[in-house]
Amino acid sequence: MKKVRIFDTTLRDGEQTPGVSLTPNDKLEIAKKLDELRVDVIEAGSAMTSKGEREAIKLITKEGLDAEICSFVRALPIDIDAALECDVDSVHLVVPTSPIHMKYKLRKTEDEVLESALKAVEYAKDHGLIVELSAEDATRSDVNFLIKLFNEGEKVGADRVCVCDTVGVLTPQKSQELFKKITENVNLPVSVHCHNDFGMATANTCSAILGGAIQCHVTVNGIGERAGNASLEEVVTALKVLYGYETNVRMEKLYEVSRVVSRLMKIPVPPNKAIVGDNAFAHEAGIHVDGLIKNTETYEPIKPEMVGNRRRIILGKHSGRKALKYKLDLMGIKVNEEQLNQIYNKIKELGDLGKYISDADLLAIIREVLGKDIEEKVKLDELTVVSGNKITPIASVKLHHIGEDIFLIETAYGIGPVDAAINAIKKAISGVADIKLEEYRVEAIGGGTDALVEVIVKLRKGSEIVEVRKSDVDIIRASVNAVMEGINMLLN
């Protein structure tokens, strides 16, 4: 069986995404999720970066995870000492090898770079570390110099080597040819590290595997510097489905891990993101939905459940009656032919006006046609939020669980008043149902400090997701109302 190792660099290269900065606890939470995903190596960070970075790496190494824990280092004893302080298993020892990097960044010759690299490998090995010797900007380097570096690295104890497409200039054809030449002339296991500057990181990574690489560097959601890195979920799924390679990754957890990283790094997952985007298995066009009803393989290359995602039927001006009927059946809503036509016509009218039909919009239309109101199972009875420049925001809520005729009272802190309020609601509702906040965003409508704001939330209960939009001049009230309506939609 052909098997590929997964080296995840979400916590190092991924965190270098402009504007992203994780706390040590954030990094630990992501590392634990990556370990549950069963990646082979977690590059936890660069120990030399800061005291906080070392604290985060130490938290991860103390957790006793199954994955190999790695630190990025330069070919400097001081970097390796910082990694040793964090008790990591391995170092990702990176050496610039292209003429442009050696001349302008290092101001060193090939011989000087080679000498410093070999000394660093020896130093790391003398201190008991696994060493992955990595050539930075390798795809703009002399391939013969790469082969020499890797073979000399093997002599002093390097365990693996890595070819980095640092500025994403490979093409799939060149990638396969390059890795074939290197693997034919180097005895050590070869890794591939691709950036996505031309949108080909996934393709180039897969081609490198075809060329003989046995390990690939990836990030969750393809995050990283500039245009990002090769996407973990895309590479793993493509290798399995399209090329017949196996990994240790638990693919059914890909969507879950994607959302954890998105939440903690505050980078929304684009709806059209392959594999884990909300539109990856979404269908609106009538002809597509008609095909899905007959056989899902007509318009889906894999089942969404394989990667932990779900199928979504989107209603709009492109939808047909069969799509609407299919959506209603999935929701467990029974209507007669006349009612179906009324709902369908209202959806078409809204679609022609450029309106996106959210789940809340659909339920409102259904309530209007059927003359039924959504049953409010949980009602917000009281909300108190305290915030200021010298106080950690705190909120308390009192919810009335109408069916059980009981009150749910909880208090929670947050990084802001909205976060505190939503955290308190989530704590209160946790005893009733396992409902998770998938996404939260705010859009201003108009200008000025009294501008109306629209809050959009996505909530999940099991495989069911609802999206609710609420507008108000008060962002806390809009947020709480949106969350409460979403909770009641999921409880019905």
Protein backbone atom coordinates (compact mmCIF):
# COMPACT_ATOMS: atom_id res chain seq x y z
CA MET A 1 0.00 0.00 0.00
CA LYS A 2 1.36 3.45 -0.96
CA LYS A 3 1.43 5.66 2.14
CA VAL A 4 2.29 9.33 2.59
CA ARG A 5 3.29 11.05 5.83
CA ILE A 6 1.60 14.33 6.73
CA PHE A 7 3.76 17.10 8.21
CA ASP A 8 1.39 19.82 9.43
CA THR A 9 2.78 23.35 9.67
CA THR A 10 -0.45 25.18 10.55
CA LEU A 11 1.06 26.35 13.85
CA ARG A 12 4.24 27.67 12.22
CA ASP A 13 3.88 28.58 8.55
CA GLY A 14 0.12 28.93 8.99
CA GLU A 15 0.47 31.31 11.91
CA GLN A 16 2.70 33.49 9.72
CA THR A 17 -0.48 34.50 7.85
CA PRO A 18 -0.59 38.32 8.04
CA GLY A 19 -2.70 39.45 11.00
CA VAL A 20 -2.72 36.09 12.81
CA SER A 21 -1.31 35.68 16.31
CA LEU A 22 -2.27 32.76 18.53
CA THR A 23 -2.06 32.54 22.31
CA PRO A 24 -0.29 29.50 23.81
CA ASN A 25 -3.67 28.01 24.75
CA ASP A 26 -4.98 28.57 21.21
CA LYS A 27 -1.96 26.73 19.82
CA LEU A 28 -2.46 23.87 22.27
CA GLU A 29 -6.13 23.53 21.28
CA ILE A 30 -5.21 23.35 17.59
CA ALA A 31 -2.36 20.89 18.28
CA LYS A 32 -4.75 18.57 20.13
CA LYS A 33 -7.16 18.69 17.19
CA LEU A 34 -4.34 17.96 14.74
CA ASP A 35 -3.34 14.99 16.88
CA GLU A 36 -6.94 13.72 16.84
CA LEU A 37 -6.76 14.10 13.06
CA ARG A 38 -3.66 11.84 13.22
CA VAL A 39 -1.16 13.93 11.32
CA ASP A 40 2.34 12.44 11.61
CA VAL A 41 4.26 15.62 12.49
CA ILE A 42 3.10 18.86 14.10
CA GLU A 43 5.43 21.80 13.50
CA ALA A 44 4.44 23.62 16.67
CA GLY A 45 6.26 26.86 15.89
CA SER A 46 9.69 28.44 15.87
CA ALA A 47 11.10 28.29 19.40
CA MET A 48 13.46 31.18 18.74
CA THR A 49 10.60 33.58 17.92
CA SER A 50 9.61 34.69 21.43
CA LYS A 51 9.09 33.70 25.04
CA GLY A 52 5.38 33.20 24.33
CA GLU A 53 6.19 30.92 21.40
CA ARG A 54 8.40 28.76 23.61
CA GLU A 55 5.64 28.64 26.23
CA ALA A 56 3.19 27.42 23.58
CA ILE A 57 5.57 24.73 22.27
CA LYS A 58 6.24 23.53 25.84
CA LEU A 59 2.50 23.23 26.48
CA ILE A 60 2.22 21.05 23.38
CA THR A 61 5.22 18.83 24.15
CA LYS A 62 3.94 18.27 27.70
CA GLU A 63 0.55 17.13 26.41
CA GLY A 64 1.83 13.67 25.46
CA LEU A 65 0.44 13.72 21.92
CA ASP A 66 1.04 10.84 19.52
CA ALA A 67 2.37 13.08 16.73
CA GLU A 68 6.05 14.00 16.42
CA ILE A 69 6.43 17.57 17.72
CA CYS A 70 8.79 19.74 15.70
CA SER A 71 10.29 23.25 15.89
CA PHE A 72 11.48 25.36 12.98
CA VAL A 73 15.14 26.36 13.34
CA ARG A 74 17.77 28.16 11.31
CA ALA A 75 21.26 26.68 10.96
CA LEU A 76 22.28 28.33 14.24
CA PRO A 77 23.11 26.70 17.61
CA ILE A 78 21.06 29.38 19.41
CA ASP A 79 17.91 28.31 17.49
CA ILE A 80 18.56 24.64 18.23
CA ASP A 81 19.12 25.41 21.92
CA ALA A 82 15.74 27.18 22.05
CA ALA A 83 14.10 24.10 20.50
CA LEU A 84 15.85 21.83 23.01
CA GLU A 85 14.52 23.99 25.84
CA CYS A 86 11.00 23.15 24.62
CA ASP A 87 11.67 19.38 24.62
CA VAL A 88 10.61 18.85 20.99
CA ASP A 89 11.15 15.57 19.15
CA SER A 90 12.57 17.10 15.99
CA VAL A 91 13.75 20.24 14.24
CA HIS A 92 12.88 21.51 10.79
CA LEU A 93 16.32 22.89 9.96
CA VAL A 94 15.93 25.34 7.09
CA VAL A 95 18.84 26.51 4.93
CA PRO A 96 18.45 29.02 2.04
CA THR A 97 19.90 27.43 -1.12
CA SER A 98 18.96 29.63 -4.10
CA PRO A 99 21.50 32.06 -5.57
CA ILE A 100 19.21 35.02 -4.81
CA HIS A 101 18.81 34.00 -1.14
CA MET A 102 22.49 33.20 -0.62
CA LYS A 103 23.64 36.43 -2.27
CA TYR A 104 21.17 38.97 -0.91
CA LYS A 105 19.85 37.44 2.34
CA LEU A 106 22.82 35.50 3.70
CA ARG A 107 25.68 37.07 1.76
CA LYS A 108 27.35 33.66 1.74
CA THR A 109 28.79 31.31 -0.89
CA GLU A 110 27.53 27.79 -1.54
CA ASP A 111 30.46 26.34 0.41
CA GLU A 112 29.75 28.59 3.40
CA VAL A 113 26.05 27.66 3.39
CA LEU A 114 26.91 23.97 3.15
CA GLU A 115 29.38 24.20 6.01
CA SER A 116 26.96 26.00 8.35
CA ALA A 117 24.17 23.56 7.48
CA LEU A 118 26.28 20.48 8.23
CA LYS A 119 27.53 21.93 11.52
CA ALA A 120 23.93 22.65 12.57
CA VAL A 121 22.81 19.12 11.66
CA GLU A 122 25.67 17.65 13.69
CA TYR A 123 24.85 19.89 16.65
CA ALA A 124 21.17 18.90 16.61
CA LYS A 125 21.97 15.19 16.25
CA ASP A 126 24.52 15.38 19.10
CA HIS A 127 21.64 16.60 21.27
CA GLY A 128 19.32 13.73 20.33
CA LEU A 129 16.98 15.47 17.88
CA ILE A 130 15.38 14.12 14.72
CA VAL A 131 16.53 16.42 11.91
CA GLU A 132 14.63 17.32 8.75
CA LEU A 133 17.10 19.27 6.60
CA SER A 134 15.14 21.67 4.44
CA ALA A 135 16.28 23.66 1.40
CA GLU A 136 14.56 27.05 1.32
CA ASP A 137 13.73 28.35 -2.17
CA ALA A 138 14.89 24.99 -3.49
CA THR A 139 12.86 25.32 -6.69
CA ARG A 140 15.01 28.28 -7.74
CA SER A 141 18.22 26.51 -6.71
CA ASP A 142 20.81 24.48 -8.61
CA VAL A 143 19.52 20.91 -8.35
CA ASN A 144 23.06 19.55 -8.15
CA PHE A 145 23.71 21.75 -5.11
CA LEU A 146 20.51 20.41 -3.51
CA ILE A 147 21.63 16.82 -4.08
CA LYS A 148 25.07 17.60 -2.65
CA LEU A 149 23.55 19.29 0.42
CA PHE A 150 21.19 16.40 1.10
CA ASN A 151 23.84 13.68 0.63
CA GLU A 152 26.34 15.52 2.81
CA GLY A 153 23.55 16.01 5.36
CA GLU A 154 22.96 12.26 5.42
CA LYS A 155 26.64 11.68 6.28
CA VAL A 156 26.35 13.80 9.44
CA GLY A 157 23.07 12.25 10.56
CA ALA A 158 20.12 14.05 8.93
CA ASP A 159 17.00 11.89 9.06
CA ARG A 160 14.88 13.48 6.32
CA VAL A 161 15.26 16.20 3.69
CA CYS A 162 12.75 18.67 2.29
CA VAL A 163 12.45 20.58 -0.98
CA CYS A 164 10.65 23.92 -0.49
CA ASP A 165 8.81 25.70 -3.28
CA THR A 166 9.07 28.87 -1.22
CA VAL A 167 7.51 31.29 -3.72
CA GLY A 168 5.23 28.80 -5.48
CA VAL A 169 6.91 28.77 -8.88
CA LEU A 170 6.66 25.04 -9.57
CA THR A 171 4.26 23.55 -12.08
CA PRO A 172 2.91 20.01 -11.72
CA GLN A 173 5.10 18.74 -14.56
CA LYS A 174 8.28 20.35 -13.20
CA SER A 175 7.43 19.17 -9.71
CA GLN A 176 7.27 15.50 -10.70
CA GLU A 177 10.49 15.79 -12.73
CA LEU A 178 12.38 17.57 -9.92
CA PHE A 179 11.38 15.12 -7.21
CA LYS A 180 12.10 12.14 -9.45
CA LYS A 181 15.65 13.41 -9.98
CA ILE A 182 16.22 14.15 -6.31
CA THR A 183 14.79 10.87 -5.00
CA GLU A 184 16.88 8.93 -7.53
CA ASN A 185 20.05 10.61 -6.22
CA VAL A 186 19.32 10.94 -2.49
CA ASN A 187 18.87 8.03 -0.08
CA LEU A 188 17.02 9.88 2.68
CA PRO A 189 13.20 10.24 2.76
CA VAL A 190 12.20 13.35 0.80
CA SER A 191 9.48 15.85 1.81
CA VAL A 192 7.72 18.52 -0.24
CA HIS A 193 6.74 22.00 0.98
CA CYS A 194 4.67 24.04 -1.49
CA HIS A 195 3.32 27.58 -1.44
CA ASN A 196 0.27 28.66 -3.38
CA ASP A 197 1.35 31.87 -5.14
CA PHE A 198 0.06 30.64 -8.51
CA GLY A 199 -2.77 28.53 -7.08
CA MET A 200 -1.00 25.23 -7.74
CA ALA A 201 0.22 24.16 -4.29
CA THR A 202 -2.08 21.13 -4.05
CA ALA A 203 -1.33 20.00 -7.61
CA ASN A 204 2.42 20.50 -7.14
CA THR A 205 2.37 18.57 -3.86
CA CYS A 206 0.56 15.62 -5.43
CA SER A 207 2.96 15.67 -8.36
CA ALA A 208 5.91 15.64 -5.94
CA ILE A 209 4.47 12.51 -4.34
CA LEU A 210 4.20 10.93 -7.79
CA GLY A 211 7.85 11.88 -8.29
CA GLY A 212 8.94 10.00 -5.17
CA ALA A 213 8.42 12.27 -2.13
CA ILE A 214 6.96 10.38 0.83
CA GLN A 215 6.02 13.27 3.11
CA CYS A 216 4.22 16.55 2.43
CA HIS A 217 4.04 19.80 4.39
CA VAL A 218 0.52 21.21 4.58
CA THR A 219 -1.66 23.64 6.56
CA VAL A 220 -5.32 23.45 7.54
CA ASN A 221 -7.43 25.53 5.13
CA GLY A 222 -4.27 26.25 3.11
CA ILE A 223 -3.40 29.23 5.31
CA GLY A 224 0.08 30.73 5.33
CA GLU A 225 2.15 33.62 4.10
CA ARG A 226 0.97 35.51 0.99
CA ALA A 227 -1.36 33.13 -0.90
CA GLY A 228 -0.86 30.35 1.64
CA ASN A 229 0.45 26.79 1.65
CA ALA A 230 -0.72 23.48 0.26
CA SER A 231 -4.08 22.71 1.88
CA LEU A 232 -4.13 19.70 4.20
CA GLU A 233 -7.71 18.75 3.37
CA GLU A 234 -7.21 19.10 -0.38
CA VAL A 235 -3.93 17.17 -0.49
CA VAL A 236 -5.12 14.30 1.71
CA THR A 237 -8.40 13.90 -0.17
CA ALA A 238 -6.83 14.19 -3.62
CA LEU A 239 -4.09 11.68 -2.75
CA LYS A 240 -6.67 9.14 -1.60
CA VAL A 241 -9.45 9.62 -4.13
CA LEU A 242 -7.52 10.57 -7.27
CA TYR A 243 -4.15 8.85 -6.79
CA GLY A 244 -4.81 5.90 -4.48
CA TYR A 245 -2.38 6.94 -1.72
CA GLU A 246 -3.19 6.43 1.95
CA THR A 247 -2.38 8.62 4.94
CA ASN A 248 -3.03 8.22 8.67
CA VAL A 249 -5.44 11.17 8.61
CA ARG A 250 -8.99 10.62 9.92
CA MET A 251 -10.71 12.24 6.97
CA GLU A 252 -14.12 12.42 8.63
CA LYS A 253 -12.66 15.04 11.01
CA LEU A 254 -11.35 17.40 8.31
CA TYR A 255 -14.35 19.76 8.42
CA GLU A 256 -14.30 19.94 12.22
CA VAL A 257 -10.58 20.77 12.39
CA SER A 258 -11.00 23.31 9.59
CA ARG A 259 -13.59 25.20 11.64
CA VAL A 260 -11.52 25.12 14.83
CA VAL A 261 -8.55 26.66 13.01
CA SER A 262 -10.82 29.20 11.30
CA ARG A 263 -12.33 30.26 14.63
CA LEU A 264 -9.07 30.58 16.55
CA MET A 265 -7.18 32.29 13.72
CA LYS A 266 -10.19 34.47 12.86
CA ILE A 267 -9.89 33.65 9.16
CA PRO A 268 -13.26 32.70 7.61
CA VAL A 269 -13.26 29.65 5.34
CA PRO A 270 -14.31 30.82 1.85
CA PRO A 271 -17.68 29.27 0.92
CA ASN A 272 -16.20 27.87 -2.31
CA LYS A 273 -13.16 26.34 -0.56
CA ALA A 274 -12.62 22.81 -1.84
CA ILE A 275 -13.53 19.95 0.54
CA VAL A 276 -14.40 22.02 3.64
CA GLY A 277 -16.18 25.10 2.24
CA ASP A 278 -19.90 25.44 2.92
CA ASN A 279 -20.54 25.42 -0.84
CA ALA A 280 -18.29 22.41 -1.53
CA PHE A 281 -21.38 20.18 -1.48
CA ALA A 282 -24.05 22.84 -2.00
CA HIS A 283 -26.47 22.78 -4.94
CA GLU A 284 -28.95 25.34 -6.26
CA ALA A 285 -29.42 24.73 -9.98
CA GLY A 286 -32.53 22.67 -10.65
CA ILE A 287 -30.81 20.27 -13.06
CA HIS A 288 -28.13 19.52 -10.47
CA VAL A 289 -30.56 18.84 -7.65
CA ASP A 290 -32.66 16.66 -9.94
CA GLY A 291 -29.55 14.60 -10.66
CA LEU A 292 -28.68 14.39 -6.95
CA ILE A 293 -32.12 13.10 -6.06
CA LYS A 294 -31.60 10.25 -8.51
CA ASN A 295 -27.95 9.56 -7.64
CA THR A 296 -25.64 11.82 -5.61
CA GLU A 297 -22.66 10.77 -7.74
CA THR A 298 -24.09 12.75 -10.67
CA TYR A 299 -22.78 16.02 -9.20
CA GLU A 300 -20.60 15.02 -6.25
CA PRO A 301 -17.17 13.36 -6.68
CA ILE A 302 -17.21 12.11 -3.08
CA LYS A 303 -19.78 11.87 -0.32
CA PRO A 304 -19.61 14.92 1.98
CA GLU A 305 -19.63 12.67 5.04
CA MET A 306 -16.24 11.29 3.98
CA VAL A 307 -14.63 14.59 5.00
CA GLY A 308 -17.08 15.52 7.76
CA ASN A 309 -18.95 18.04 5.59
CA ARG A 310 -22.62 17.90 4.61
CA ARG A 311 -24.82 18.29 1.55
CA ARG A 312 -26.70 21.59 1.32
CA ILE A 313 -29.62 22.44 -0.92
CA ILE A 314 -29.62 26.18 -1.62
CA LEU A 315 -32.83 27.80 -2.76
CA GLY A 316 -32.84 30.75 -5.13
CA LYS A 317 -33.83 31.81 -8.62
CA HIS A 318 -31.99 28.84 -10.16
CA SER A 319 -33.90 26.30 -8.07
CA GLY A 320 -36.66 24.07 -9.39
CA ARG A 321 -39.69 22.62 -7.65
CA LYS A 322 -37.94 19.29 -7.18
CA ALA A 323 -35.14 21.05 -5.30
CA LEU A 324 -37.66 22.77 -3.02
CA LYS A 325 -39.56 19.51 -2.41
CA TYR A 326 -36.27 17.72 -1.66
CA LYS A 327 -35.26 20.48 0.79
CA LEU A 328 -38.64 20.38 2.55
CA ASP A 329 -38.45 16.59 2.83
CA LEU A 330 -35.00 16.89 4.42
CA MET A 331 -36.48 19.37 6.90
CA GLY A 332 -39.42 17.05 7.65
CA ILE A 333 -41.98 19.61 6.43
CA LYS A 334 -45.09 18.30 4.65
CA VAL A 335 -46.97 20.51 2.19
CA ASN A 336 -49.61 19.95 -0.50
CA GLU A 337 -49.16 20.91 -4.16
CA GLU A 338 -50.79 24.32 -3.80
CA GLN A 339 -48.65 25.22 -0.78
CA LEU A 340 -45.52 23.99 -2.57
CA ASN A 341 -46.28 26.30 -5.50
CA GLN A 342 -46.86 29.28 -3.20
CA ILE A 343 -43.54 28.74 -1.42
CA TYR A 344 -41.79 28.20 -4.75
CA ASN A 345 -43.16 31.42 -6.25
CA LYS A 346 -42.10 33.49 -3.23
CA ILE A 347 -38.59 32.05 -3.43
CA LYS A 348 -38.39 32.94 -7.13
CA GLU A 349 -39.57 36.49 -6.42
CA LEU A 350 -36.92 37.01 -3.76
CA GLY A 351 -34.26 35.40 -5.96
CA ASP A 352 -35.05 37.74 -8.85
CA LEU A 353 -34.53 40.67 -6.47
CA GLY A 354 -31.01 39.43 -5.77
CA LYS A 355 -31.97 38.11 -2.34
CA TYR A 356 -30.07 35.19 -0.79
CA ILE A 357 -32.57 32.74 0.70
CA SER A 358 -31.23 31.78 4.10
CA ASP A 359 -32.71 29.02 6.27
CA ALA A 360 -34.40 31.70 8.37
CA ASP A 361 -35.92 33.25 5.20
CA LEU A 362 -37.22 29.86 4.07
CA LEU A 363 -38.82 29.17 7.44
CA ALA A 364 -40.42 32.62 7.40
CA ILE A 365 -41.91 31.89 3.96
CA ILE A 366 -43.14 28.48 5.12
CA ARG A 367 -44.71 30.02 8.24
CA GLU A 368 -46.44 32.62 6.09
CA VAL A 369 -47.82 30.05 3.64
CA LEU A 370 -48.81 27.48 6.25
CA GLY A 371 -49.98 30.03 8.79
CA LYS A 372 -47.72 28.54 11.46
CA ASP A 373 -45.23 30.24 13.71
CA ILE A 374 -41.99 28.57 14.71
CA GLU A 375 -42.36 27.23 18.23
CA GLU A 376 -40.17 29.16 20.66
CA LYS A 377 -38.79 26.41 22.87
CA VAL A 378 -36.18 28.55 24.61
CA LYS A 379 -36.83 32.21 25.41
CA LEU A 380 -34.38 34.87 26.54
CA ASP A 381 -35.73 36.12 29.86
CA GLU A 382 -32.84 38.27 31.09
CA LEU A 383 -29.49 39.46 29.76
CA THR A 384 -26.92 41.56 31.61
CA VAL A 385 -23.58 42.55 30.10
CA VAL A 386 -20.82 44.44 31.93
CA SER A 387 -17.82 45.82 30.05
CA GLY A 388 -15.28 48.60 30.44
CA ASN A 389 -11.66 49.59 30.02
CA LYS A 390 -10.65 48.06 33.37
CA ILE A 391 -12.94 45.05 33.56
CA THR A 392 -13.00 41.75 31.70
CA PRO A 393 -16.32 41.65 29.82
CA ILE A 394 -18.83 39.44 31.62
CA ALA A 395 -22.42 38.50 30.80
CA SER A 396 -25.19 36.68 32.63
CA VAL A 397 -28.30 35.22 31.01
CA LYS A 398 -31.53 33.70 32.17
CA LEU A 399 -33.24 31.49 29.59
CA HIS A 400 -36.73 30.04 29.96
CA HIS A 401 -36.86 26.44 28.67
CA ILE A 402 -40.59 26.56 27.95
CA GLY A 403 -41.14 22.84 27.34
CA GLU A 404 -39.63 21.84 30.68
CA ASP A 405 -40.79 25.07 32.37
CA ILE A 406 -37.36 25.61 33.90
CA PHE A 407 -34.94 28.52 33.91
CA LEU A 408 -31.34 28.18 32.75
CA ILE A 409 -29.01 30.70 34.37
CA GLU A 410 -25.35 31.07 33.42
CA THR A 411 -22.50 33.59 33.54
CA ALA A 412 -19.51 33.77 31.20
CA TYR A 413 -16.53 35.96 30.38
CA GLY A 414 -15.47 36.99 26.87
CA ILE A 415 -12.91 39.02 24.99
CA GLY A 416 -15.66 41.58 24.39
CA PRO A 417 -19.31 42.14 25.41
CA VAL A 418 -20.71 40.26 22.41
CA ASP A 419 -18.39 37.30 23.00
CA ALA A 420 -19.35 37.24 26.70
CA ALA A 421 -23.09 37.29 25.89
CA ILE A 422 -22.84 34.49 23.33
CA ASN A 423 -20.61 32.42 25.65
CA ALA A 424 -23.21 32.74 28.43
CA ILE A 425 -26.00 31.60 26.10
CA LYS A 426 -23.91 28.65 24.88
CA LYS A 427 -23.23 27.58 28.47
CA ALA A 428 -26.91 27.86 29.39
CA ILE A 429 -28.14 25.90 26.37
CA SER A 430 -25.48 23.15 26.70
CA GLY A 431 -27.73 21.21 29.08
CA VAL A 432 -30.55 21.19 26.51
CA ALA A 433 -28.72 20.45 23.25
CA ASP A 434 -25.21 20.34 21.79
CA ILE A 435 -25.37 23.47 19.61
CA LYS A 436 -22.15 25.01 18.31
CA LEU A 437 -21.46 28.43 16.83
CA GLU A 438 -19.90 27.76 13.42
CA GLU A 439 -19.53 31.32 12.19
CA TYR A 440 -20.15 34.88 13.33
CA ARG A 441 -19.70 38.04 11.30
CA VAL A 442 -20.93 41.61 11.28
CA GLU A 443 -21.70 43.96 8.40
CA ALA A 444 -22.37 47.68 8.87
CA ILE A 445 -25.35 49.17 7.07
CA GLY A 446 -24.79 52.88 6.54
CA GLY A 447 -22.30 55.10 8.34
CA GLY A 448 -21.88 56.84 11.67
CA THR A 449 -21.73 55.56 15.23
CA ASP A 450 -25.49 54.90 15.19
CA ALA A 451 -25.34 52.82 12.00
CA LEU A 452 -27.55 49.80 11.70
CA VAL A 453 -25.53 46.59 11.81
CA GLU A 454 -26.40 43.18 10.40
CA VAL A 455 -25.17 40.15 12.32
CA ILE A 456 -24.89 36.80 10.55
CA VAL A 457 -24.51 33.61 12.58
CA LYS A 458 -24.26 29.97 11.58
CA LEU A 459 -25.13 27.39 14.22
CA ARG A 460 -24.72 23.63 14.04
CA LYS A 461 -26.55 20.81 15.80
CA GLY A 462 -25.18 17.47 14.62
CA SER A 463 -25.18 17.57 10.82
CA GLU A 464 -27.78 20.36 10.64
CA ILE A 465 -26.64 23.96 10.12
CA VAL A 466 -28.82 27.06 10.12
CA GLU A 467 -27.90 30.60 9.15
CA VAL A 468 -29.67 33.59 10.71
CA ARG A 469 -29.32 37.31 9.96
CA LYS A 470 -30.49 40.00 12.37
CA SER A 471 -30.23 43.79 12.13
CA ASP A 472 -30.21 46.34 14.94
CA VAL A 473 -28.48 49.55 16.01
CA ASP A 474 -27.24 47.60 19.05
CA ILE A 475 -24.68 44.95 18.06
CA ILE A 476 -25.15 42.98 21.30
CA ARG A 477 -28.93 42.82 20.83
CA ALA A 478 -28.58 41.85 17.16
CA SER A 479 -26.08 39.11 18.05
CA VAL A 480 -28.14 37.66 20.88
CA ASN A 481 -31.38 37.73 18.86
CA ALA A 482 -29.68 35.95 15.95
CA VAL A 483 -28.24 33.25 18.20
CA MET A 484 -31.56 32.71 20.02
CA GLU A 485 -33.51 32.40 16.75
CA GLY A 486 -30.94 29.93 15.42
CA ILE A 487 -31.18 27.84 18.59
CA ASN A 488 -34.96 27.66 18.32
CA MET A 489 -34.75 26.71 14.65
CA LEU A 490 -32.41 23.81 15.52
CA LEU A 491 -34.62 22.70 18.41
CA ASN A 492 -37.77 22.48 16.24
